[in-house]
Each structure stands twice: as structure tokens, then as C-alpha cells.
Amino acid sequence: MRKGLVAIGVLALVGGVSYYLWNVYKQAQLLMDYCIKFKNVKFREIDRKKLVLDVILDFKNNSDLSIVVSKYDLIITLNGIRATRIIYDAQKANSDRKPIIIAPKKFSEIVLGVEIIPSNELSNWNVLSNILFDLNNTKVGFKGEISIKAAGISAKNIPIDQVFKMKEFLPDPNAPKQPEKPCI
């Protein structure tokens, strides 16, 4: 009788652990099925020496797990010219920024604060003004790595390499109803 109860207990334990691992595996697959939409750009400061803006992205997490972005290191390009590098690390002791939490099963807004001090290529006012005055055809690139945590599991240094045209994501002022923005 006692051996039977121990066997049932061991089987229940093995079954529970197996179900948990299977569920985490399925959720991890859904985590990789994410969607990023460009939402908006807010210009905070524009002058000849620097450009300060907020790039606002919508990130959809299709899993049942919330995601905490612990680190990112991104190089942003405008028309193939390196504009800036954005680094965020939530582990730094003196970090005054709140952690980035992406809620499950919906879009969460992520704001990337960007300060562009023109490089030699971008310091040419003609190049910079062409980018700013022709936003529809401006290509924006994000390349780098991101580290996340979900359900106690960390995924470090996930590569990101995205390039898109601004016109794909900017609203059409002549359209009566705005179409759904595509995911990248």
C-alpha cells in the first residue's frame, strides 16, 4: 500500500514538472512570435548641434508571460548613415530609468530616448535636412542586441536587425480611417 502511494506521488510529481516544462516551452515559442510597430516620433530639440527625440514603439507580446527588458544596445541609422547608439542596462546601480515591462497578450508602448549628435556624415546640414524634410523616404535602421527575462528565464543578446521606411509607419493625413500599421 505504501509503495503504491509513493509511486503515485512520484508519478504526480514527474507529471507536474513535465507539464510545467512543456508549458514554459510553448510560451517561449510564443515569446519569439512578437510584433513591433513604429508608433510615433516626438522631436524634443532640433538645432545644428544635436537632435533629441523620442522614438515610440508598440511591442506585442503574444505569450501569457510578461517580459522585462533588462538590456539593449542598438545602433540607429538614417538612410544607412550611423546616427546614434542607444544603450540601456537596468542592472546598473545608478540607473534612474524604470524597467521596461511588456505585458502579455497586448501591445505595450516602449519609448526610446534618442540624442543624435551628428557624425561627420550627418553633420552636413544638407544631408540632415534631406532626412528631416523627406521623412516618407527616410530609411531607419535598428541593429544591435536585446536581453530579456520572462518566467525566470533570461534570453541574453538576442540579435535585432530591422530597416524600414518611415512612410510605412507614418499616418496618412488624407485617409479618413487610418489602416493598421504593419508589424516588423
C-alpha atoms as a PDB file:
ATOM      1  CA  MET A   1       0.000   0.000   0.000  1.00  0.00           C
ATOM      2  CA  ARG A   2       2.759   2.415   0.980  1.00  0.00           C
ATOM      3  CA  LYS A   3       4.784   1.657  -2.163  1.00  0.00           C
ATOM      4  CA  GLY A   4       1.712   2.345  -4.267  1.00  0.00           C
ATOM      5  CA  LEU A   5       1.220   5.791  -2.661  1.00  0.00           C
ATOM      6  CA  VAL A   6       4.895   6.638  -3.156  1.00  0.00           C
ATOM      7  CA  ALA A   7       4.664   5.558  -6.804  1.00  0.00           C
ATOM      8  CA  ILE A   8       1.538   7.694  -7.310  1.00  0.00           C
ATOM      9  CA  GLY A   9       3.286  10.657  -5.652  1.00  0.00           C
ATOM     10  CA  VAL A  10       6.383  10.272  -7.822  1.00  0.00           C
ATOM     11  CA  LEU A  11       4.242   9.958 -10.971  1.00  0.00           C
ATOM     12  CA  ALA A  12       2.260  13.073  -9.984  1.00  0.00           C
ATOM     13  CA  LEU A  13       5.494  14.987  -9.348  1.00  0.00           C
ATOM     14  CA  VAL A  14       7.026  13.895 -12.659  1.00  0.00           C
ATOM     15  CA  GLY A  15       3.769  14.700 -14.481  1.00  0.00           C
ATOM     16  CA  GLY A  16       3.527  18.162 -12.869  1.00  0.00           C
ATOM     17  CA  VAL A  17       7.137  19.024 -13.683  1.00  0.00           C
ATOM     18  CA  SER A  18       6.710  17.734 -17.246  1.00  0.00           C
ATOM     19  CA  TYR A  19       3.546  19.814 -17.740  1.00  0.00           C
ATOM     20  CA  TYR A  20       5.291  22.919 -16.356  1.00  0.00           C
ATOM     21  CA  LEU A  21       8.307  22.461 -18.659  1.00  0.00           C
ATOM     22  CA  TRP A  22       6.050  21.836 -21.666  1.00  0.00           C
ATOM     23  CA  ASN A  23       4.043  24.988 -20.871  1.00  0.00           C
ATOM     24  CA  VAL A  24       7.215  27.092 -20.492  1.00  0.00           C
ATOM     25  CA  TYR A  25       8.461  25.691 -23.823  1.00  0.00           C
ATOM     26  CA  LYS A  26       5.199  26.643 -25.585  1.00  0.00           C
ATOM     27  CA  GLN A  27       5.273  30.135 -24.051  1.00  0.00           C
ATOM     28  CA  ALA A  28       8.925  30.562 -25.096  1.00  0.00           C
ATOM     29  CA  GLN A  29       7.880  29.792 -28.678  1.00  0.00           C
ATOM     30  CA  LEU A  30       5.166  32.448 -28.420  1.00  0.00           C
ATOM     31  CA  LEU A  31       7.707  34.925 -26.998  1.00  0.00           C
ATOM     32  CA  MET A  32       9.672  34.680 -30.224  1.00  0.00           C
ATOM     33  CA  ASP A  33       6.483  35.407 -32.197  1.00  0.00           C
ATOM     34  CA  TYR A  34       6.498  39.099 -31.296  1.00  0.00           C
ATOM     35  CA  CYS A  35       5.371  42.141 -33.210  1.00  0.00           C
ATOM     36  CA  ILE A  36       6.984  45.593 -33.206  1.00  0.00           C
ATOM     37  CA  LYS A  37       5.171  48.591 -34.678  1.00  0.00           C
ATOM     38  CA  PHE A  38       6.580  52.044 -35.103  1.00  0.00           C
ATOM     39  CA  LYS A  39       4.096  54.343 -33.373  1.00  0.00           C
ATOM     40  CA  ASN A  40       5.478  57.859 -33.380  1.00  0.00           C
ATOM     41  CA  VAL A  41       8.474  60.152 -33.151  1.00  0.00           C
ATOM     42  CA  LYS A  42       8.388  63.173 -30.873  1.00  0.00           C
ATOM     43  CA  PHE A  43      11.027  65.795 -31.520  1.00  0.00           C
ATOM     44  CA  ARG A  44      12.166  67.445 -28.289  1.00  0.00           C
ATOM     45  CA  GLU A  45      15.061  69.568 -29.570  1.00  0.00           C
ATOM     46  CA  ILE A  46      16.353  70.367 -33.050  1.00  0.00           C
ATOM     47  CA  ASP A  47      19.356  72.543 -33.761  1.00  0.00           C
ATOM     48  CA  ARG A  48      22.626  72.376 -35.691  1.00  0.00           C
ATOM     49  CA  LYS A  49      24.486  70.662 -32.848  1.00  0.00           C
ATOM     50  CA  LYS A  50      22.071  67.924 -31.884  1.00  0.00           C
ATOM     51  CA  LEU A  51      18.694  66.340 -32.408  1.00  0.00           C
ATOM     52  CA  VAL A  52      16.824  64.982 -29.376  1.00  0.00           C
ATOM     53  CA  LEU A  53      13.754  62.839 -29.938  1.00  0.00           C
ATOM     54  CA  ASP A  54      11.683  60.023 -28.524  1.00  0.00           C
ATOM     55  CA  VAL A  55      11.065  57.012 -30.753  1.00  0.00           C
ATOM     56  CA  ILE A  56       7.857  55.360 -29.613  1.00  0.00           C
ATOM     57  CA  LEU A  57       7.326  51.701 -30.492  1.00  0.00           C
ATOM     58  CA  ASP A  58       4.435  49.339 -29.806  1.00  0.00           C
ATOM     59  CA  PHE A  59       5.653  45.873 -28.888  1.00  0.00           C
ATOM     60  CA  LYS A  60       3.164  42.992 -28.871  1.00  0.00           C
ATOM     61  CA  ASN A  61       3.899  40.034 -26.697  1.00  0.00           C
ATOM     62  CA  ASN A  62       1.835  37.046 -27.896  1.00  0.00           C
ATOM     63  CA  SER A  63       2.625  34.832 -24.897  1.00  0.00           C
ATOM     64  CA  ASP A  64       0.975  34.595 -21.480  1.00  0.00           C
ATOM     65  CA  LEU A  65       4.204  35.755 -19.817  1.00  0.00           C
ATOM     66  CA  SER A  66       5.198  39.324 -19.107  1.00  0.00           C
ATOM     67  CA  ILE A  67       8.605  40.322 -20.432  1.00  0.00           C
ATOM     68  CA  VAL A  68      11.127  42.514 -18.658  1.00  0.00           C
ATOM     69  CA  VAL A  69      13.672  44.161 -20.949  1.00  0.00           C
ATOM     70  CA  SER A  70      16.867  44.124 -18.935  1.00  0.00           C
ATOM     71  CA  LYS A  71      19.293  45.488 -21.500  1.00  0.00           C
ATOM     72  CA  TYR A  72      19.598  46.735 -25.038  1.00  0.00           C
ATOM     73  CA  ASP A  73      22.389  48.068 -27.192  1.00  0.00           C
ATOM     74  CA  LEU A  74      21.160  49.440 -30.517  1.00  0.00           C
ATOM     75  CA  ILE A  75      22.781  51.370 -33.328  1.00  0.00           C
ATOM     76  CA  ILE A  76      20.308  53.555 -35.202  1.00  0.00           C
ATOM     77  CA  THR A  77      20.948  54.524 -38.800  1.00  0.00           C
ATOM     78  CA  LEU A  78      19.210  57.084 -41.009  1.00  0.00           C
ATOM     79  CA  ASN A  79      19.467  56.290 -44.718  1.00  0.00           C
ATOM     80  CA  GLY A  80      22.355  53.941 -43.928  1.00  0.00           C
ATOM     81  CA  ILE A  81      24.336  56.588 -42.011  1.00  0.00           C
ATOM     82  CA  ARG A  82      25.026  55.821 -38.364  1.00  0.00           C
ATOM     83  CA  ALA A  83      23.062  58.344 -36.334  1.00  0.00           C
ATOM     84  CA  THR A  84      23.461  57.204 -32.739  1.00  0.00           C
ATOM     85  CA  ARG A  85      23.833  54.344 -30.323  1.00  0.00           C
ATOM     86  CA  ILE A  86      21.252  53.697 -27.599  1.00  0.00           C
ATOM     87  CA  ILE A  87      22.303  51.708 -24.552  1.00  0.00           C
ATOM     88  CA  TYR A  88      20.022  50.716 -21.679  1.00  0.00           C
ATOM     89  CA  ASP A  89      21.010  48.483 -18.790  1.00  0.00           C
ATOM     90  CA  ALA A  90      18.537  48.026 -15.923  1.00  0.00           C
ATOM     91  CA  GLN A  91      21.249  46.335 -13.829  1.00  0.00           C
ATOM     92  CA  LYS A  92      23.346  49.464 -13.442  1.00  0.00           C
ATOM     93  CA  ALA A  93      23.200  50.710  -9.874  1.00  0.00           C
ATOM     94  CA  ASN A  94      22.745  54.353 -10.808  1.00  0.00           C
ATOM     95  CA  SER A  95      20.109  53.768 -13.489  1.00  0.00           C
ATOM     96  CA  ASP A  96      17.306  56.282 -12.992  1.00  0.00           C
ATOM     97  CA  ARG A  97      15.098  54.701 -15.638  1.00  0.00           C
ATOM     98  CA  LYS A  98      12.195  52.439 -14.826  1.00  0.00           C
ATOM     99  CA  PRO A  99      12.381  48.855 -16.034  1.00  0.00           C
ATOM    100  CA  ILE A 100      10.674  48.201 -19.352  1.00  0.00           C
ATOM    101  CA  ILE A 101       7.844  45.723 -18.815  1.00  0.00           C
ATOM    102  CA  ILE A 102       5.946  44.299 -21.777  1.00  0.00           C
ATOM    103  CA  ALA A 103       2.540  42.991 -20.765  1.00  0.00           C
ATOM    104  CA  PRO A 104       1.227  39.640 -22.028  1.00  0.00           C
ATOM    105  CA  LYS A 105      -1.233  39.322 -24.931  1.00  0.00           C
ATOM    106  CA  LYS A 106      -1.286  43.025 -25.864  1.00  0.00           C
ATOM    107  CA  PHE A 107       0.731  45.924 -27.197  1.00  0.00           C
ATOM    108  CA  SER A 108       2.970  47.782 -24.755  1.00  0.00           C
ATOM    109  CA  GLU A 109       4.483  51.158 -25.521  1.00  0.00           C
ATOM    110  CA  ILE A 110       8.272  51.425 -25.429  1.00  0.00           C
ATOM    111  CA  VAL A 111       9.872  54.871 -25.550  1.00  0.00           C
ATOM    112  CA  LEU A 112      13.477  55.044 -26.751  1.00  0.00           C
ATOM    113  CA  GLY A 113      15.084  58.372 -25.852  1.00  0.00           C
ATOM    114  CA  VAL A 114      17.465  59.252 -28.659  1.00  0.00           C
ATOM    115  CA  GLU A 115      20.047  62.015 -28.774  1.00  0.00           C
ATOM    116  CA  ILE A 116      21.725  62.384 -32.142  1.00  0.00           C
ATOM    117  CA  ILE A 117      24.921  64.379 -32.244  1.00  0.00           C
ATOM    118  CA  PRO A 118      25.710  64.427 -35.936  1.00  0.00           C
ATOM    119  CA  SER A 119      28.648  62.333 -37.023  1.00  0.00           C
ATOM    120  CA  ASN A 120      30.867  63.578 -39.822  1.00  0.00           C
ATOM    121  CA  GLU A 121      28.349  62.282 -42.381  1.00  0.00           C
ATOM    122  CA  LEU A 122      25.317  63.680 -40.557  1.00  0.00           C
ATOM    123  CA  SER A 123      26.988  66.971 -39.663  1.00  0.00           C
ATOM    124  CA  ASN A 124      26.442  68.090 -43.231  1.00  0.00           C
ATOM    125  CA  TRP A 125      23.290  70.187 -42.888  1.00  0.00           C
ATOM    126  CA  ASN A 126      22.163  69.211 -46.422  1.00  0.00           C
ATOM    127  CA  VAL A 127      22.171  65.509 -45.529  1.00  0.00           C
ATOM    128  CA  LEU A 128      20.376  66.109 -42.223  1.00  0.00           C
ATOM    129  CA  SER A 129      17.793  68.442 -43.748  1.00  0.00           C
ATOM    130  CA  ASN A 130      17.093  65.952 -46.573  1.00  0.00           C
ATOM    131  CA  ILE A 131      16.400  63.312 -43.940  1.00  0.00           C
ATOM    132  CA  LEU A 132      14.141  65.577 -41.897  1.00  0.00           C
ATOM    133  CA  PHE A 133      12.237  67.075 -44.830  1.00  0.00           C
ATOM    134  CA  ASP A 134      11.744  63.784 -46.672  1.00  0.00           C
ATOM    135  CA  LEU A 135      10.652  61.564 -43.794  1.00  0.00           C
ATOM    136  CA  ASN A 136       8.457  59.456 -46.086  1.00  0.00           C
ATOM    137  CA  ASN A 137      11.503  58.074 -47.889  1.00  0.00           C
ATOM    138  CA  THR A 138      13.889  58.068 -44.944  1.00  0.00           C
ATOM    139  CA  LYS A 139      15.105  54.587 -44.048  1.00  0.00           C
ATOM    140  CA  VAL A 140      15.523  53.966 -40.326  1.00  0.00           C
ATOM    141  CA  GLY A 141      17.597  51.031 -39.171  1.00  0.00           C
ATOM    142  CA  PHE A 142      17.874  49.369 -35.764  1.00  0.00           C
ATOM    143  CA  LYS A 143      20.759  46.950 -35.326  1.00  0.00           C
ATOM    144  CA  GLY A 144      22.065  45.505 -32.099  1.00  0.00           C
ATOM    145  CA  GLU A 145      21.161  43.191 -29.256  1.00  0.00           C
ATOM    146  CA  ILE A 146      18.485  42.988 -26.592  1.00  0.00           C
ATOM    147  CA  SER A 147      18.306  40.941 -23.390  1.00  0.00           C
ATOM    148  CA  ILE A 148      15.014  39.957 -21.779  1.00  0.00           C
ATOM    149  CA  LYS A 149      13.665  37.985 -18.817  1.00  0.00           C
ATOM    150  CA  ALA A 150      10.392  36.061 -18.721  1.00  0.00           C
ATOM    151  CA  ALA A 151       9.155  33.433 -16.235  1.00  0.00           C
ATOM    152  CA  GLY A 152      12.524  33.361 -14.535  1.00  0.00           C
ATOM    153  CA  ILE A 153      14.298  32.560 -17.788  1.00  0.00           C
ATOM    154  CA  SER A 154      16.761  35.005 -19.322  1.00  0.00           C
ATOM    155  CA  ALA A 155      17.499  35.341 -23.002  1.00  0.00           C
ATOM    156  CA  LYS A 156      20.624  37.395 -23.487  1.00  0.00           C
ATOM    157  CA  ASN A 157      21.957  39.162 -26.565  1.00  0.00           C
ATOM    158  CA  ILE A 158      19.081  38.442 -28.965  1.00  0.00           C
ATOM    159  CA  PRO A 159      20.122  39.987 -32.303  1.00  0.00           C
ATOM    160  CA  ILE A 160      17.930  42.671 -33.875  1.00  0.00           C
ATOM    161  CA  ASP A 161      18.427  43.945 -37.429  1.00  0.00           C
ATOM    162  CA  GLN A 162      15.454  45.902 -38.789  1.00  0.00           C
ATOM    163  CA  VAL A 163      15.299  48.526 -41.563  1.00  0.00           C
ATOM    164  CA  PHE A 164      12.099  50.234 -42.657  1.00  0.00           C
ATOM    165  CA  LYS A 165      10.894  53.342 -44.439  1.00  0.00           C
ATOM    166  CA  MET A 166       9.217  55.972 -42.322  1.00  0.00           C
ATOM    167  CA  LYS A 167       6.304  56.246 -44.780  1.00  0.00           C
ATOM    168  CA  GLU A 168       5.274  52.684 -43.933  1.00  0.00           C
ATOM    169  CA  PHE A 169       4.563  53.752 -40.380  1.00  0.00           C
ATOM    170  CA  LEU A 170       3.540  57.408 -40.536  1.00  0.00           C
ATOM    171  CA  PRO A 171      -0.207  58.066 -40.674  1.00  0.00           C
ATOM    172  CA  ASP A 172      -1.704  59.269 -43.936  1.00  0.00           C
ATOM    173  CA  PRO A 173      -3.343  62.637 -43.204  1.00  0.00           C
ATOM    174  CA  ASN A 174      -5.647  62.283 -46.258  1.00  0.00           C
ATOM    175  CA  ALA A 175      -7.054  58.901 -45.275  1.00  0.00           C
ATOM    176  CA  PRO A 176     -10.417  59.030 -43.450  1.00  0.00           C
ATOM    177  CA  LYS A 177      -9.597  55.912 -41.430  1.00  0.00           C
ATOM    178  CA  GLN A 178      -6.036  55.011 -40.531  1.00  0.00           C
ATOM    179  CA  PRO A 179      -5.060  51.481 -41.639  1.00  0.00           C
ATOM    180  CA  GLU A 180      -3.492  49.113 -39.175  1.00  0.00           C
ATOM    181  CA  LYS A 181       0.262  49.638 -39.121  1.00  0.00           C
ATOM    182  CA  PRO A 182       2.257  46.563 -40.154  1.00  0.00           C
ATOM    183  CA  CYS A 183       4.430  44.632 -37.765  1.00  0.00           C
ATOM    184  CA  ILE A 184       8.161  44.382 -38.301  1.00  0.00           C
END
